[in-house]
Full PDB file with SEQRES, HELIX, SHEET, SSBOND, CRYST1, ORIGX, SCALE, CONECT and MASTER records, all heavy atoms in Angstrom:
SEQRES   1 A   35  GLU VAL TRP LEU VAL GLY ALA GLY PRO GLY ASP PRO ASP          
SEQRES   2 A   35  LEU LEU THR ARG LYS ALA GLU ARG LEU LEU ARG THR ALA          
SEQRES   3 A   35  SER VAL VAL PHE TYR ASP ALA LEU VAL                          
HELIX    1 AA1 PRO A   12  LEU A   14  5                                   3    
HELIX    2 AA2 ARG A   17  THR A   25  1                                   9    
CRYST1    1.000    1.000    1.000  90.00  90.00  90.00 P 1           1          
ORIGX1      1.000000  0.000000  0.000000        0.00000                         
ORIGX2      0.000000  1.000000  0.000000        0.00000                         
ORIGX3      0.000000  0.000000  1.000000        0.00000                         
SCALE1      1.000000  0.000000  0.000000        0.00000                         
SCALE2      0.000000  1.000000  0.000000        0.00000                         
SCALE3      0.000000  0.000000  1.000000        0.00000                         
ATOM      1  N   GLU A   1       5.313 152.390-172.370  1.00  0.00           N  
ATOM      2  CA  GLU A   1       5.831 151.049-172.037  1.00  0.00           C  
ATOM      3  C   GLU A   1       7.309 151.035-171.668  1.00  0.00           C  
ATOM      4  O   GLU A   1       8.080 151.948-172.105  1.00  0.00           O  
ATOM      5  CB  GLU A   1       5.749 149.952-173.186  1.00  0.00           C  
ATOM      6  CG  GLU A   1       4.296 149.489-173.483  1.00  0.00           C  
ATOM      7  CD  GLU A   1       4.267 148.287-174.349  1.00  0.00           C  
ATOM      8  OE1 GLU A   1       5.213 148.152-175.228  1.00  0.00           O  
ATOM      9  OE2 GLU A   1       3.271 147.504-174.294  1.00  0.00           O  
ATOM     10  N   VAL A   2       7.761 150.043-170.883  1.00  0.00           N  
ATOM     11  CA  VAL A   2       9.127 150.076-170.351  1.00  0.00           C  
ATOM     12  C   VAL A   2       9.637 148.598-170.627  1.00  0.00           C  
ATOM     13  O   VAL A   2       9.005 147.643-170.259  1.00  0.00           O  
ATOM     14  CB  VAL A   2       9.272 150.426-168.908  1.00  0.00           C  
ATOM     15  CG1 VAL A   2      10.720 150.282-168.429  1.00  0.00           C  
ATOM     16  CG2 VAL A   2       8.738 151.792-168.648  1.00  0.00           C  
ATOM     17  N   TRP A   3      10.794 148.570-171.192  1.00  0.00           N  
ATOM     18  CA  TRP A   3      11.580 147.329-171.386  1.00  0.00           C  
ATOM     19  C   TRP A   3      12.920 147.338-170.756  1.00  0.00           C  
ATOM     20  O   TRP A   3      13.635 148.433-170.898  1.00  0.00           O  
ATOM     21  CB  TRP A   3      11.789 147.018-172.958  1.00  0.00           C  
ATOM     22  CG  TRP A   3      10.564 146.461-173.610  1.00  0.00           C  
ATOM     23  CD1 TRP A   3       9.504 147.100-174.140  1.00  0.00           C  
ATOM     24  CD2 TRP A   3      10.321 145.082-173.869  1.00  0.00           C  
ATOM     25  NE1 TRP A   3       8.601 146.219-174.818  1.00  0.00           N  
ATOM     26  CE2 TRP A   3       9.186 145.036-174.573  1.00  0.00           C  
ATOM     27  CE3 TRP A   3      10.957 143.883-173.586  1.00  0.00           C  
ATOM     28  CZ2 TRP A   3       8.588 143.727-174.930  1.00  0.00           C  
ATOM     29  CZ3 TRP A   3      10.548 142.684-173.957  1.00  0.00           C  
ATOM     30  CH2 TRP A   3       9.239 142.585-174.650  1.00  0.00           C  
ATOM     31  N   LEU A   4      13.208 146.414-169.982  1.00  0.00           N  
ATOM     32  CA  LEU A   4      14.571 146.185-169.396  1.00  0.00           C  
ATOM     33  C   LEU A   4      15.247 145.392-170.388  1.00  0.00           C  
ATOM     34  O   LEU A   4      14.906 144.148-170.624  1.00  0.00           O  
ATOM     35  CB  LEU A   4      14.586 145.568-168.063  1.00  0.00           C  
ATOM     36  CG  LEU A   4      13.552 146.131-166.994  1.00  0.00           C  
ATOM     37  CD1 LEU A   4      13.777 145.493-165.642  1.00  0.00           C  
ATOM     38  CD2 LEU A   4      13.856 147.702-166.894  1.00  0.00           C  
ATOM     39  N   VAL A   5      16.273 145.924-171.089  1.00  0.00           N  
ATOM     40  CA  VAL A   5      16.968 145.208-172.219  1.00  0.00           C  
ATOM     41  C   VAL A   5      18.332 144.804-171.829  1.00  0.00           C  
ATOM     42  O   VAL A   5      19.213 145.696-171.304  1.00  0.00           O  
ATOM     43  CB  VAL A   5      16.975 146.047-173.457  1.00  0.00           C  
ATOM     44  CG1 VAL A   5      17.718 145.439-174.524  1.00  0.00           C  
ATOM     45  CG2 VAL A   5      15.495 146.328-173.895  1.00  0.00           C  
ATOM     46  N   GLY A   6      18.786 143.589-172.081  1.00  0.00           N  
ATOM     47  CA  GLY A   6      20.106 143.160-171.916  1.00  0.00           C  
ATOM     48  C   GLY A   6      21.079 143.492-173.052  1.00  0.00           C  
ATOM     49  O   GLY A   6      20.690 143.176-174.244  1.00  0.00           O  
ATOM     50  N   ALA A   7      22.140 144.258-172.842  1.00  0.00           N  
ATOM     51  CA  ALA A   7      22.988 144.679-173.851  1.00  0.00           C  
ATOM     52  C   ALA A   7      24.080 143.702-174.101  1.00  0.00           C  
ATOM     53  O   ALA A   7      24.985 143.843-175.062  1.00  0.00           O  
ATOM     54  CB  ALA A   7      23.679 145.932-173.421  1.00  0.00           C  
ATOM     55  N   GLY A   8      24.144 142.605-173.380  1.00  0.00           N  
ATOM     56  CA  GLY A   8      25.164 141.585-173.571  1.00  0.00           C  
ATOM     57  C   GLY A   8      26.475 142.103-172.982  1.00  0.00           C  
ATOM     58  O   GLY A   8      26.516 143.129-172.306  1.00  0.00           O  
ATOM     59  N   PRO A   9      27.588 141.378-173.314  1.00  0.00           N  
ATOM     60  CA  PRO A   9      28.853 141.739-172.724  1.00  0.00           C  
ATOM     61  C   PRO A   9      29.606 142.920-173.293  1.00  0.00           C  
ATOM     62  O   PRO A   9      30.635 143.340-172.809  1.00  0.00           O  
ATOM     63  CB  PRO A   9      29.655 140.433-172.949  1.00  0.00           C  
ATOM     64  CG  PRO A   9      29.104 139.953-174.196  1.00  0.00           C  
ATOM     65  CD  PRO A   9      27.596 140.230-174.186  1.00  0.00           C  
ATOM     66  N   GLY A  10      29.084 143.432-174.393  1.00  0.00           N  
ATOM     67  CA  GLY A  10      29.723 144.658-175.040  1.00  0.00           C  
ATOM     68  C   GLY A  10      29.862 144.642-176.519  1.00  0.00           C  
ATOM     69  O   GLY A  10      29.631 145.637-177.190  1.00  0.00           O  
ATOM     70  N   ASP A  11      30.135 143.427-177.134  1.00  0.00           N  
ATOM     71  CA  ASP A  11      30.269 143.328-178.562  1.00  0.00           C  
ATOM     72  C   ASP A  11      28.817 143.416-179.137  1.00  0.00           C  
ATOM     73  O   ASP A  11      27.895 142.701-178.777  1.00  0.00           O  
ATOM     74  CB  ASP A  11      30.736 141.953-178.912  1.00  0.00           C  
ATOM     75  CG  ASP A  11      31.019 141.672-180.326  1.00  0.00           C  
ATOM     76  OD1 ASP A  11      30.552 142.521-181.156  1.00  0.00           O  
ATOM     77  OD2 ASP A  11      31.600 140.686-180.769  1.00  0.00           O  
ATOM     78  N   PRO A  12      28.575 144.434-180.059  1.00  0.00           N  
ATOM     79  CA  PRO A  12      27.261 144.587-180.617  1.00  0.00           C  
ATOM     80  C   PRO A  12      26.800 143.376-181.438  1.00  0.00           C  
ATOM     81  O   PRO A  12      25.576 143.147-181.516  1.00  0.00           O  
ATOM     82  CB  PRO A  12      27.423 145.917-181.525  1.00  0.00           C  
ATOM     83  CG  PRO A  12      28.912 145.989-181.841  1.00  0.00           C  
ATOM     84  CD  PRO A  12      29.553 145.399-180.526  1.00  0.00           C  
ATOM     85  N   ASP A  13      27.759 142.501-181.946  1.00  0.00           N  
ATOM     86  CA  ASP A  13      27.272 141.399-182.624  1.00  0.00           C  
ATOM     87  C   ASP A  13      26.688 140.388-181.778  1.00  0.00           C  
ATOM     88  O   ASP A  13      26.054 139.412-182.137  1.00  0.00           O  
ATOM     89  CB  ASP A  13      28.409 140.834-183.428  1.00  0.00           C  
ATOM     90  CG  ASP A  13      28.938 141.572-184.545  1.00  0.00           C  
ATOM     91  OD1 ASP A  13      28.130 142.363-185.049  1.00  0.00           O  
ATOM     92  OD2 ASP A  13      30.102 141.428-185.018  1.00  0.00           O  
ATOM     93  N   LEU A  14      26.880 140.464-180.414  1.00  0.00           N  
ATOM     94  CA  LEU A  14      26.209 139.507-179.436  1.00  0.00           C  
ATOM     95  C   LEU A  14      24.899 140.023-178.975  1.00  0.00           C  
ATOM     96  O   LEU A  14      24.340 139.386-178.086  1.00  0.00           O  
ATOM     97  CB  LEU A  14      27.264 139.310-178.331  1.00  0.00           C  
ATOM     98  CG  LEU A  14      28.522 138.568-178.678  1.00  0.00           C  
ATOM     99  CD1 LEU A  14      29.423 138.388-177.465  1.00  0.00           C  
ATOM    100  CD2 LEU A  14      28.290 137.270-179.403  1.00  0.00           C  
ATOM    101  N   LEU A  15      24.505 141.248-179.389  1.00  0.00           N  
ATOM    102  CA  LEU A  15      23.105 141.741-178.942  1.00  0.00           C  
ATOM    103  C   LEU A  15      22.059 140.908-179.703  1.00  0.00           C  
ATOM    104  O   LEU A  15      22.209 140.551-180.888  1.00  0.00           O  
ATOM    105  CB  LEU A  15      22.992 143.206-179.437  1.00  0.00           C  
ATOM    106  CG  LEU A  15      21.935 144.010-178.933  1.00  0.00           C  
ATOM    107  CD1 LEU A  15      22.208 144.337-177.419  1.00  0.00           C  
ATOM    108  CD2 LEU A  15      21.859 145.420-179.666  1.00  0.00           C  
ATOM    109  N   THR A  16      20.976 140.636-179.110  1.00  0.00           N  
ATOM    110  CA  THR A  16      19.867 139.840-179.655  1.00  0.00           C  
ATOM    111  C   THR A  16      19.133 140.862-180.746  1.00  0.00           C  
ATOM    112  O   THR A  16      19.220 141.932-180.604  1.00  0.00           O  
ATOM    113  CB  THR A  16      18.889 139.365-178.686  1.00  0.00           C  
ATOM    114  OG1 THR A  16      18.137 140.450-178.048  1.00  0.00           O  
ATOM    115  CG2 THR A  16      19.521 138.519-177.558  1.00  0.00           C  
ATOM    116  N   ARG A  17      18.562 140.057-181.627  1.00  0.00           N  
ATOM    117  CA  ARG A  17      17.839 140.809-182.682  1.00  0.00           C  
ATOM    118  C   ARG A  17      16.602 141.597-182.013  1.00  0.00           C  
ATOM    119  O   ARG A  17      16.291 142.655-182.463  1.00  0.00           O  
ATOM    120  CB  ARG A  17      17.324 139.862-183.702  1.00  0.00           C  
ATOM    121  CG  ARG A  17      18.450 139.259-184.519  1.00  0.00           C  
ATOM    122  CD  ARG A  17      17.811 138.137-185.520  1.00  0.00           C  
ATOM    123  NE  ARG A  17      16.933 138.809-186.515  1.00  0.00           N  
ATOM    124  CZ  ARG A  17      16.176 138.157-187.438  1.00  0.00           C  
ATOM    125  NH1 ARG A  17      16.328 136.702-187.410  1.00  0.00           N  
ATOM    126  NH2 ARG A  17      15.528 138.696-188.205  1.00  0.00           N  
ATOM    127  N   LYS A  18      15.960 140.950-181.063  1.00  0.00           N  
ATOM    128  CA  LYS A  18      14.950 141.632-180.263  1.00  0.00           C  
ATOM    129  C   LYS A  18      15.448 142.920-179.628  1.00  0.00           C  
ATOM    130  O   LYS A  18      14.775 143.961-179.703  1.00  0.00           O  
ATOM    131  CB  LYS A  18      14.294 140.649-179.348  1.00  0.00           C  
ATOM    132  CG  LYS A  18      13.102 141.272-178.621  1.00  0.00           C  
ATOM    133  CD  LYS A  18      12.378 140.233-177.758  1.00  0.00           C  
ATOM    134  CE  LYS A  18      11.064 140.723-177.144  1.00  0.00           C  
ATOM    135  NZ  LYS A  18      10.412 139.701-176.516  1.00  0.00           N  
ATOM    136  N   ALA A  19      16.612 142.747-179.044  1.00  0.00           N  
ATOM    137  CA  ALA A  19      17.090 143.916-178.190  1.00  0.00           C  
ATOM    138  C   ALA A  19      17.409 145.044-179.197  1.00  0.00           C  
ATOM    139  O   ALA A  19      17.068 146.203-178.915  1.00  0.00           O  
ATOM    140  CB  ALA A  19      18.373 143.619-177.451  1.00  0.00           C  
ATOM    141  N   GLU A  20      17.933 144.844-180.363  1.00  0.00           N  
ATOM    142  CA  GLU A  20      18.237 145.817-181.306  1.00  0.00           C  
ATOM    143  C   GLU A  20      17.041 146.420-181.904  1.00  0.00           C  
ATOM    144  O   GLU A  20      17.058 147.706-182.051  1.00  0.00           O  
ATOM    145  CB  GLU A  20      19.061 145.173-182.512  1.00  0.00           C  
ATOM    146  CG  GLU A  20      19.428 146.178-183.555  1.00  0.00           C  
ATOM    147  CD  GLU A  20      20.456 145.799-184.591  1.00  0.00           C  
ATOM    148  OE1 GLU A  20      20.716 144.520-184.643  1.00  0.00           O  
ATOM    149  OE2 GLU A  20      20.793 146.537-185.614  1.00  0.00           O  
ATOM    150  N   ARG A  21      15.913 145.668-182.077  1.00  0.00           N  
ATOM    151  CA  ARG A  21      14.730 146.295-182.541  1.00  0.00           C  
ATOM    152  C   ARG A  21      14.053 147.184-181.468  1.00  0.00           C  
ATOM    153  O   ARG A  21      13.598 148.316-181.820  1.00  0.00           O  
ATOM    154  CB  ARG A  21      13.661 145.188-182.828  1.00  0.00           C  
ATOM    155  CG  ARG A  21      12.485 145.758-183.553  1.00  0.00           C  
ATOM    156  CD  ARG A  21      11.392 144.598-183.803  1.00  0.00           C  
ATOM    157  NE  ARG A  21      10.801 144.196-182.768  1.00  0.00           N  
ATOM    158  CZ  ARG A  21      10.877 142.959-182.205  1.00  0.00           C  
ATOM    159  NH1 ARG A  21      11.837 142.159-182.724  1.00  0.00           N  
ATOM    160  NH2 ARG A  21      10.261 142.635-181.125  1.00  0.00           N  
ATOM    161  N   LEU A  22      14.126 146.943-180.193  1.00  0.00           N  
ATOM    162  CA  LEU A  22      13.675 147.669-179.216  1.00  0.00           C  
ATOM    163  C   LEU A  22      14.442 148.961-179.056  1.00  0.00           C  
ATOM    164  O   LEU A  22      13.796 150.118-178.801  1.00  0.00           O  
ATOM    165  CB  LEU A  22      13.608 146.941-177.790  1.00  0.00           C  
ATOM    166  CG  LEU A  22      12.659 145.808-177.668  1.00  0.00           C  
ATOM    167  CD1 LEU A  22      13.022 144.831-176.448  1.00  0.00           C  
ATOM    168  CD2 LEU A  22      11.184 146.213-177.556  1.00  0.00           C  
ATOM    169  N   LEU A  23      15.699 148.958-179.168  1.00  0.00           N  
ATOM    170  CA  LEU A  23      16.539 150.054-179.183  1.00  0.00           C  
ATOM    171  C   LEU A  23      16.239 151.083-180.295  1.00  0.00           C  
ATOM    172  O   LEU A  23      16.252 152.236-180.197  1.00  0.00           O  
ATOM    173  CB  LEU A  23      17.992 149.766-179.285  1.00  0.00           C  
ATOM    174  CG  LEU A  23      18.667 149.168-178.083  1.00  0.00           C  
ATOM    175  CD1 LEU A  23      20.027 148.718-178.275  1.00  0.00           C  
ATOM    176  CD2 LEU A  23      18.542 149.906-176.841  1.00  0.00           C  
ATOM    177  N   ARG A  24      15.852 150.418-181.454  1.00  0.00           N  
ATOM    178  CA  ARG A  24      15.485 151.350-182.698  1.00  0.00           C  
ATOM    179  C   ARG A  24      14.076 151.969-182.542  1.00  0.00           C  
ATOM    180  O   ARG A  24      13.847 153.005-183.226  1.00  0.00           O  
ATOM    181  CB  ARG A  24      15.537 150.641-183.899  1.00  0.00           C  
ATOM    182  CG  ARG A  24      17.139 150.128-184.274  1.00  0.00           C  
ATOM    183  CD  ARG A  24      17.203 149.440-185.550  1.00  0.00           C  
ATOM    184  NE  ARG A  24      18.534 149.024-185.921  1.00  0.00           N  
ATOM    185  CZ  ARG A  24      19.497 149.864-186.338  1.00  0.00           C  
ATOM    186  NH1 ARG A  24      19.299 151.077-186.414  1.00  0.00           N  
ATOM    187  NH2 ARG A  24      20.714 149.395-186.573  1.00  0.00           N  
ATOM    188  N   THR A  25      13.213 151.398-181.646  1.00  0.00           N  
ATOM    189  CA  THR A  25      11.836 151.906-181.642  1.00  0.00           C  
ATOM    190  C   THR A  25      11.624 152.694-180.328  1.00  0.00           C  
ATOM    191  O   THR A  25      10.595 153.173-180.127  1.00  0.00           O  
ATOM    192  CB  THR A  25      10.886 150.750-181.617  1.00  0.00           C  
ATOM    193  OG1 THR A  25      11.148 149.751-180.663  1.00  0.00           O  
ATOM    194  CG2 THR A  25      10.909 149.959-183.003  1.00  0.00           C  
ATOM    195  N   ALA A  26      12.679 152.725-179.522  1.00  0.00           N  
ATOM    196  CA  ALA A  26      12.510 153.487-178.181  1.00  0.00           C  
ATOM    197  C   ALA A  26      12.456 155.024-178.514  1.00  0.00           C  
ATOM    198  O   ALA A  26      12.957 155.447-179.568  1.00  0.00           O  
ATOM    199  CB  ALA A  26      13.577 153.215-177.248  1.00  0.00           C  
ATOM    200  N   SER A  27      11.947 155.823-177.547  1.00  0.00           N  
ATOM    201  CA  SER A  27      12.180 157.196-177.672  1.00  0.00           C  
ATOM    202  C   SER A  27      13.084 157.657-176.659  1.00  0.00           C  
ATOM    203  O   SER A  27      13.745 158.745-176.752  1.00  0.00           O  
ATOM    204  CB  SER A  27      10.797 157.915-177.371  1.00  0.00           C  
ATOM    205  OG  SER A  27      10.297 157.611-176.088  1.00  0.00           O  
ATOM    206  N   VAL A  28      13.507 156.909-175.608  1.00  0.00           N  
ATOM    207  CA  VAL A  28      14.544 157.232-174.601  1.00  0.00           C  
ATOM    208  C   VAL A  28      15.151 155.868-174.190  1.00  0.00           C  
ATOM    209  O   VAL A  28      14.547 154.918-173.982  1.00  0.00           O  
ATOM    210  CB  VAL A  28      13.939 158.077-173.490  1.00  0.00           C  
ATOM    211  CG1 VAL A  28      12.819 157.348-172.717  1.00  0.00           C  
ATOM    212  CG2 VAL A  28      15.037 158.490-172.522  1.00  0.00           C  
ATOM    213  N   VAL A  29      16.447 156.071-173.960  1.00  0.00           N  
ATOM    214  CA  VAL A  29      17.193 154.946-173.590  1.00  0.00           C  
ATOM    215  C   VAL A  29      17.975 155.270-172.295  1.00  0.00           C  
ATOM    216  O   VAL A  29      18.875 156.230-172.396  1.00  0.00           O  
ATOM    217  CB  VAL A  29      18.185 154.323-174.525  1.00  0.00           C  
ATOM    218  CG1 VAL A  29      19.022 153.183-173.961  1.00  0.00           C  
ATOM    219  CG2 VAL A  29      17.335 153.736-175.705  1.00  0.00           C  
ATOM    220  N   PHE A  30      17.839 154.676-171.162  1.00  0.00           N  
ATOM    221  CA  PHE A  30      18.636 154.897-169.960  1.00  0.00           C  
ATOM    222  C   PHE A  30      19.651 153.743-169.877  1.00  0.00           C  
ATOM    223  O   PHE A  30      19.242 152.624-169.699  1.00  0.00           O  
ATOM    224  CB  PHE A  30      17.634 154.934-168.706  1.00  0.00           C  
ATOM    225  CG  PHE A  30      16.692 155.981-168.633  1.00  0.00           C  
ATOM    226  CD1 PHE A  30      15.401 155.761-169.207  1.00  0.00           C  
ATOM    227  CD2 PHE A  30      16.941 157.309-168.139  1.00  0.00           C  
ATOM    228  CE1 PHE A  30      14.334 156.705-169.132  1.00  0.00           C  
ATOM    229  CE2 PHE A  30      15.933 158.135-168.074  1.00  0.00           C  
ATOM    230  CZ  PHE A  30      14.774 158.012-168.585  1.00  0.00           C  
ATOM    231  N   TYR A  31      20.882 154.167-169.947  1.00  0.00           N  
ATOM    232  CA  TYR A  31      21.867 153.184-170.127  1.00  0.00           C  
ATOM    233  C   TYR A  31      23.014 153.133-169.049  1.00  0.00           C  
ATOM    234  O   TYR A  31      23.335 154.012-168.542  1.00  0.00           O  
ATOM    235  CB  TYR A  31      22.544 153.183-171.568  1.00  0.00           C  
ATOM    236  CG  TYR A  31      23.451 154.386-171.703  1.00  0.00           C  
ATOM    237  CD1 TYR A  31      24.778 154.348-171.557  1.00  0.00           C  
ATOM    238  CD2 TYR A  31      22.820 155.599-172.218  1.00  0.00           C  
ATOM    239  CE1 TYR A  31      25.641 155.472-171.707  1.00  0.00           C  
ATOM    240  CE2 TYR A  31      23.604 156.699-172.363  1.00  0.00           C  
ATOM    241  CZ  TYR A  31      25.046 156.661-172.109  1.00  0.00           C  
ATOM    242  OH  TYR A  31      25.769 157.836-172.436  1.00  0.00           O  
ATOM    243  N   ASP A  32      23.431 151.823-168.821  1.00  0.00           N  
ATOM    244  CA  ASP A  32      24.590 151.590-167.786  1.00  0.00           C  
ATOM    245  C   ASP A  32      25.906 151.972-168.356  1.00  0.00           C  
ATOM    246  O   ASP A  32      26.106 152.075-169.561  1.00  0.00           O  
ATOM    247  CB  ASP A  32      24.520 150.146-167.294  1.00  0.00           C  
ATOM    248  CG  ASP A  32      23.329 149.915-166.306  1.00  0.00           C  
ATOM    249  OD1 ASP A  32      22.837 150.814-165.759  1.00  0.00           O  
ATOM    250  OD2 ASP A  32      23.144 148.741-166.097  1.00  0.00           O  
ATOM    251  N   ALA A  33      26.782 152.142-167.385  1.00  0.00           N  
ATOM    252  CA  ALA A  33      28.164 152.498-167.738  1.00  0.00           C  
ATOM    253  C   ALA A  33      28.812 151.257-168.499  1.00  0.00           C  
ATOM    254  O   ALA A  33      29.832 151.510-169.251  1.00  0.00           O  
ATOM    255  CB  ALA A  33      28.982 152.797-166.499  1.00  0.00           C  
ATOM    256  N   LEU A  34      28.427 149.996-168.147  1.00  0.00           N  
ATOM    257  CA  LEU A  34      29.133 148.891-168.764  1.00  0.00           C  
ATOM    258  C   LEU A  34      28.535 148.471-170.181  1.00  0.00           C  
ATOM    259  O   LEU A  34      28.924 147.527-170.815  1.00  0.00           O  
ATOM    260  CB  LEU A  34      28.902 147.589-167.862  1.00  0.00           C  
ATOM    261  CG  LEU A  34      29.672 147.826-166.520  1.00  0.00           C  
ATOM    262  CD1 LEU A  34      29.529 146.474-165.586  1.00  0.00           C  
ATOM    263  CD2 LEU A  34      31.202 147.993-166.743  1.00  0.00           C  
ATOM    264  N   VAL A  35      27.558 149.329-170.735  1.00  0.00           N  
ATOM    265  CA  VAL A  35      27.085 149.134-172.022  1.00  0.00           C  
ATOM    266  C   VAL A  35      28.099 149.444-173.068  1.00  0.00           C  
ATOM    267  O   VAL A  35      28.689 150.519-173.137  1.00  0.00           O  
ATOM    268  CB  VAL A  35      25.777 149.828-172.323  1.00  0.00           C  
ATOM    269  CG1 VAL A  35      25.417 149.721-173.756  1.00  0.00           C  
ATOM    270  CG2 VAL A  35      24.746 149.368-171.357  1.00  0.00           C  
TER     271      VAL A  35                                                      
MASTER        0    0    0    2    0    0    0    6  270    1    0    3          
END                                                                             
């Protein structure tokens, strides 16, 4: 499966709970420079 996940503006406290759960269950994360 593939999820496109919004990291928000940068502050980890502004990350959604769903996004954090997906990051913890992923096996690989392809991330942008602005994350």
